[in-house]
Each structure stands twice: as C-alpha cells, then as structure tokens.
Amino acid sequence: MQPDRAQPELELVHLLRAAAVELGLHSTRFAQRSGMHPTDVRALIALMDARRAGEETTAGRLGTTLGLNSAGTTALIDRLERAGHVRRVRGEGDRRRVVVEVTDGAVDLGWAFFGPLIERSVELLRGYDEHQRAAIRDFLDGVRTAAAEGAHTAPGDASQGDSRHRRPR
C-alpha cells in the first residue's frame, strides 16, 4: 500500500532524495573532471572518512566498504596509487599489515572541488541551534542506517530490519 502522499514528512523525504541525487551528480562531475571512475571517488571518500576518524584501512576493509571483490579492490587501489591519490604503507600497530592511505594531494584535489559546497552546507547549519542540529544529525544517521540495512535485506523481505526504518503503510 502506498503511503498517504499528503504526509508532510514525505515532502522532507523527497527533498532528501533530491539532495542525494544532486550530490551524486556533483560527485560524478568531480570524477569526470578528475579522470576517475565514480568508484574511485567513493574509495577516496571512505579513506578520508577513515583518516578523519584516525582509523587504518586495509585493502580488505576498503573492498568490503565498497562492495568489491579482492581483484576489483586491487585494481582500484593500483589505479588510485598510479594517479598519486593513495599510497600503501605499513600499519602503525602491526607493521606486518599493509594499509591504504589517501594522499594530501588527493585531499587538496577534493577540497578544491567540494570545498565550496561544504562551506555552503556549514553556513546553512550555522542557522540552526544545537538542538535542531542534533535532530538533523539523528535524522541523517537514521536514514544512513536504514539505507545500509536495506543493502543487506532482500527486496520485499519485511521480516528483517528495524521496524522504525520501514516505509509507512
């Protein structure tokens, strides 16, 4: 059964979807202008997120994050390494482990393209008080979690996942 199209919450969901589409198009433009595949950009984002969190990323972890097999992950890392966007280094805690790091040059390249969008987004968020930003954070994290759970649930399988994240009936 379709949800009531007059629900005010649906307007926000549709705006979020539209924003996601625009962000995807923006990312695609970056990939094209930088001579990269969209998966390359997703990999760089994942590596930058790990760097910000102070986490090391192995090839296996990167492949899992991106949904790639071992051969695809190796080809991706090789391609990004040849372009100077990543490097393979020894792990800090376990020197036997090889981890993949994003280079400062790749971060600078991303900032040159995405910086204005990030700055505009921060400017918009400054217009909200801390309680409103907390609500926005909770909402976006909930949508992210629901989307991640959806990747592990077969279409039409309502028996899996948290009912809070199911489509309204």
Protein backbone atom coordinates (compact mmCIF):
# COMPACT_ATOMS: atom_id res chain seq x y z
CA MET A 1 0.00 0.00 0.00
CA GLN A 2 1.31 3.44 -0.91
CA PRO A 3 1.81 5.99 1.88
CA ASP A 4 -0.51 8.97 2.09
CA ARG A 5 1.08 11.38 -0.37
CA ALA A 6 -0.15 14.33 1.70
CA GLN A 7 2.03 13.39 4.68
CA PRO A 8 4.24 16.39 5.47
CA GLU A 9 7.10 14.00 6.29
CA LEU A 10 7.10 12.76 2.70
CA GLU A 11 7.97 16.24 1.49
CA LEU A 12 11.16 16.05 3.56
CA VAL A 13 11.92 12.54 2.31
CA HIS A 14 11.51 13.74 -1.28
CA LEU A 15 13.79 16.72 -0.58
CA LEU A 16 16.38 14.36 0.90
CA ARG A 17 16.14 12.16 -2.20
CA ALA A 18 16.54 15.22 -4.44
CA ALA A 19 19.57 16.34 -2.41
CA ALA A 20 21.07 12.84 -2.68
CA VAL A 21 20.60 12.91 -6.47
CA GLU A 22 22.25 16.34 -6.73
CA LEU A 23 25.14 15.22 -4.51
CA GLY A 24 25.57 12.14 -6.69
CA LEU A 25 25.64 14.30 -9.82
CA HIS A 26 28.16 16.63 -8.17
CA SER A 27 30.35 13.64 -7.31
CA THR A 28 30.04 12.34 -10.88
CA ARG A 29 31.15 15.73 -12.25
CA PHE A 30 34.18 15.59 -9.95
CA ALA A 31 35.01 12.07 -11.14
CA GLN A 32 34.72 13.09 -14.80
CA ARG A 33 36.80 16.26 -14.40
CA SER A 34 39.44 14.37 -12.42
CA GLY A 35 39.63 11.42 -14.83
CA MET A 36 38.29 8.98 -12.25
CA HIS A 37 35.60 6.35 -12.08
CA PRO A 38 32.77 7.03 -9.58
CA THR A 39 34.02 4.07 -7.52
CA ASP A 40 37.39 5.82 -7.25
CA VAL A 41 35.65 8.80 -5.68
CA ARG A 42 33.73 6.57 -3.27
CA ALA A 43 37.01 4.93 -2.27
CA LEU A 44 38.67 8.29 -1.64
CA ILE A 45 35.71 9.40 0.47
CA ALA A 46 35.89 6.19 2.51
CA LEU A 47 39.62 6.67 3.02
CA MET A 48 39.18 10.32 4.03
CA ASP A 49 36.45 9.33 6.50
CA ALA A 50 38.79 6.72 7.99
CA ARG A 51 41.62 9.25 8.17
CA ARG A 52 39.36 11.74 9.97
CA ALA A 53 38.36 9.00 12.42
CA GLY A 54 42.01 8.02 12.98
CA GLU A 55 41.40 4.52 11.58
CA GLU A 56 43.66 2.47 9.36
CA THR A 57 42.10 0.94 6.26
CA THR A 58 43.32 -2.33 4.77
CA ALA A 59 42.54 -3.28 1.20
CA GLY A 60 40.10 -5.88 2.52
CA ARG A 61 38.23 -3.36 4.62
CA LEU A 62 38.08 -0.90 1.71
CA GLY A 63 36.74 -3.63 -0.58
CA THR A 64 34.07 -4.59 1.93
CA THR A 65 33.05 -0.96 2.35
CA LEU A 66 32.71 -0.54 -1.40
CA GLY A 67 31.21 -3.96 -2.12
CA LEU A 68 34.14 -5.05 -4.29
CA ASN A 69 35.83 -8.43 -4.57
CA SER A 70 39.56 -8.84 -3.98
CA ALA A 71 40.56 -8.45 -7.64
CA GLY A 72 38.40 -5.36 -8.07
CA THR A 73 39.80 -3.82 -4.89
CA THR A 74 43.39 -4.46 -6.01
CA ALA A 75 42.70 -2.90 -9.42
CA LEU A 76 41.07 0.11 -7.75
CA ILE A 77 43.98 0.68 -5.35
CA ASP A 78 46.53 0.20 -8.14
CA ARG A 79 44.71 2.78 -10.27
CA LEU A 80 44.47 5.30 -7.40
CA GLU A 81 48.11 4.71 -6.47
CA ARG A 82 49.30 5.31 -10.06
CA ALA A 83 47.33 8.57 -10.06
CA GLY A 84 49.00 9.63 -6.80
CA HIS A 85 45.76 9.62 -4.79
CA VAL A 86 46.65 6.82 -2.36
CA ARG A 87 49.69 5.02 -1.03
CA ARG A 88 50.23 1.65 0.58
CA VAL A 89 52.05 1.87 3.92
CA ARG A 90 52.81 -0.36 6.89
CA GLY A 91 50.28 -0.29 9.72
CA GLU A 92 51.10 1.68 12.84
CA GLY A 93 50.18 -1.00 15.37
CA ASP A 94 51.07 -4.03 13.28
CA ARG A 95 53.92 -3.40 10.86
CA ARG A 96 53.07 -6.63 9.00
CA ARG A 97 49.76 -5.13 7.86
CA VAL A 98 49.56 -3.03 4.74
CA VAL A 99 47.11 -0.16 4.93
CA VAL A 100 45.88 2.23 2.28
CA GLU A 101 46.12 5.95 2.93
CA VAL A 102 44.75 8.85 0.97
CA THR A 103 47.44 11.37 -0.01
CA ASP A 104 47.39 15.04 0.89
CA GLY A 105 47.26 15.79 -2.83
CA ALA A 106 44.00 13.85 -3.17
CA VAL A 107 42.56 15.68 -0.17
CA ASP A 108 43.56 19.01 -1.74
CA LEU A 109 42.02 17.98 -5.07
CA GLY A 110 38.77 17.04 -3.35
CA TRP A 111 38.71 20.22 -1.29
CA ALA A 112 39.24 22.37 -4.39
CA PHE A 113 36.10 20.88 -5.93
CA PHE A 114 33.87 20.09 -2.93
CA GLY A 115 35.06 22.89 -0.63
CA PRO A 116 32.52 25.49 -1.76
CA LEU A 117 29.67 23.00 -1.29
CA ILE A 118 30.98 22.00 2.14
CA GLU A 119 31.38 25.65 3.16
CA ARG A 120 27.84 26.47 2.00
CA SER A 121 26.49 23.47 3.93
CA VAL A 122 28.30 24.57 7.10
CA GLU A 123 26.93 28.08 6.61
CA LEU A 124 23.40 26.67 6.38
CA LEU A 125 23.89 24.59 9.53
CA ARG A 126 25.03 27.65 11.47
CA GLY A 127 21.47 28.93 11.04
CA TYR A 128 20.22 26.18 13.36
CA ASP A 129 20.63 25.92 17.11
CA GLU A 130 22.31 22.92 18.76
CA HIS A 131 19.00 21.10 19.38
CA GLN A 132 17.99 21.49 15.75
CA ARG A 133 21.42 20.31 14.57
CA ALA A 134 21.10 17.30 16.90
CA ALA A 135 17.73 16.48 15.31
CA ILE A 136 19.20 16.83 11.82
CA ARG A 137 22.15 14.61 12.84
CA ASP A 138 19.81 11.95 14.27
CA PHE A 139 17.62 12.02 11.17
CA LEU A 140 20.52 11.75 8.72
CA ASP A 141 22.15 8.99 10.76
CA GLY A 142 18.83 7.12 10.86
CA VAL A 143 18.43 7.40 7.08
CA ARG A 144 22.05 6.28 6.57
CA THR A 145 21.46 3.29 8.87
CA ALA A 146 18.20 2.39 7.12
CA ALA A 147 19.92 2.54 3.73
CA ALA A 148 22.78 0.36 4.99
CA GLU A 149 20.32 -2.16 6.42
CA GLY A 150 18.45 -2.13 3.12
CA ALA A 151 21.62 -3.23 1.36
CA HIS A 152 21.51 -6.42 3.44
CA THR A 153 17.78 -7.11 3.12
CA ALA A 154 16.16 -8.73 0.12
CA PRO A 155 13.54 -6.54 -1.58
CA GLY A 156 10.12 -7.20 -0.12
CA ASP A 157 11.50 -9.02 2.94
CA ALA A 158 9.74 -7.17 5.75
CA SER A 159 10.87 -9.72 8.34
CA GLN A 160 14.36 -8.22 8.52
CA GLY A 161 15.47 -4.83 9.79
CA ASP A 162 14.21 -2.44 12.41
CA SER A 163 10.53 -1.58 12.04
CA ARG A 164 11.30 2.08 12.81
CA HIS A 165 13.01 2.29 9.42
CA ARG A 166 10.28 0.65 7.36
CA ARG A 167 8.23 2.52 4.85
CA PRO A 168 4.96 3.89 6.27
CA ARG A 169 1.83 1.99 5.29
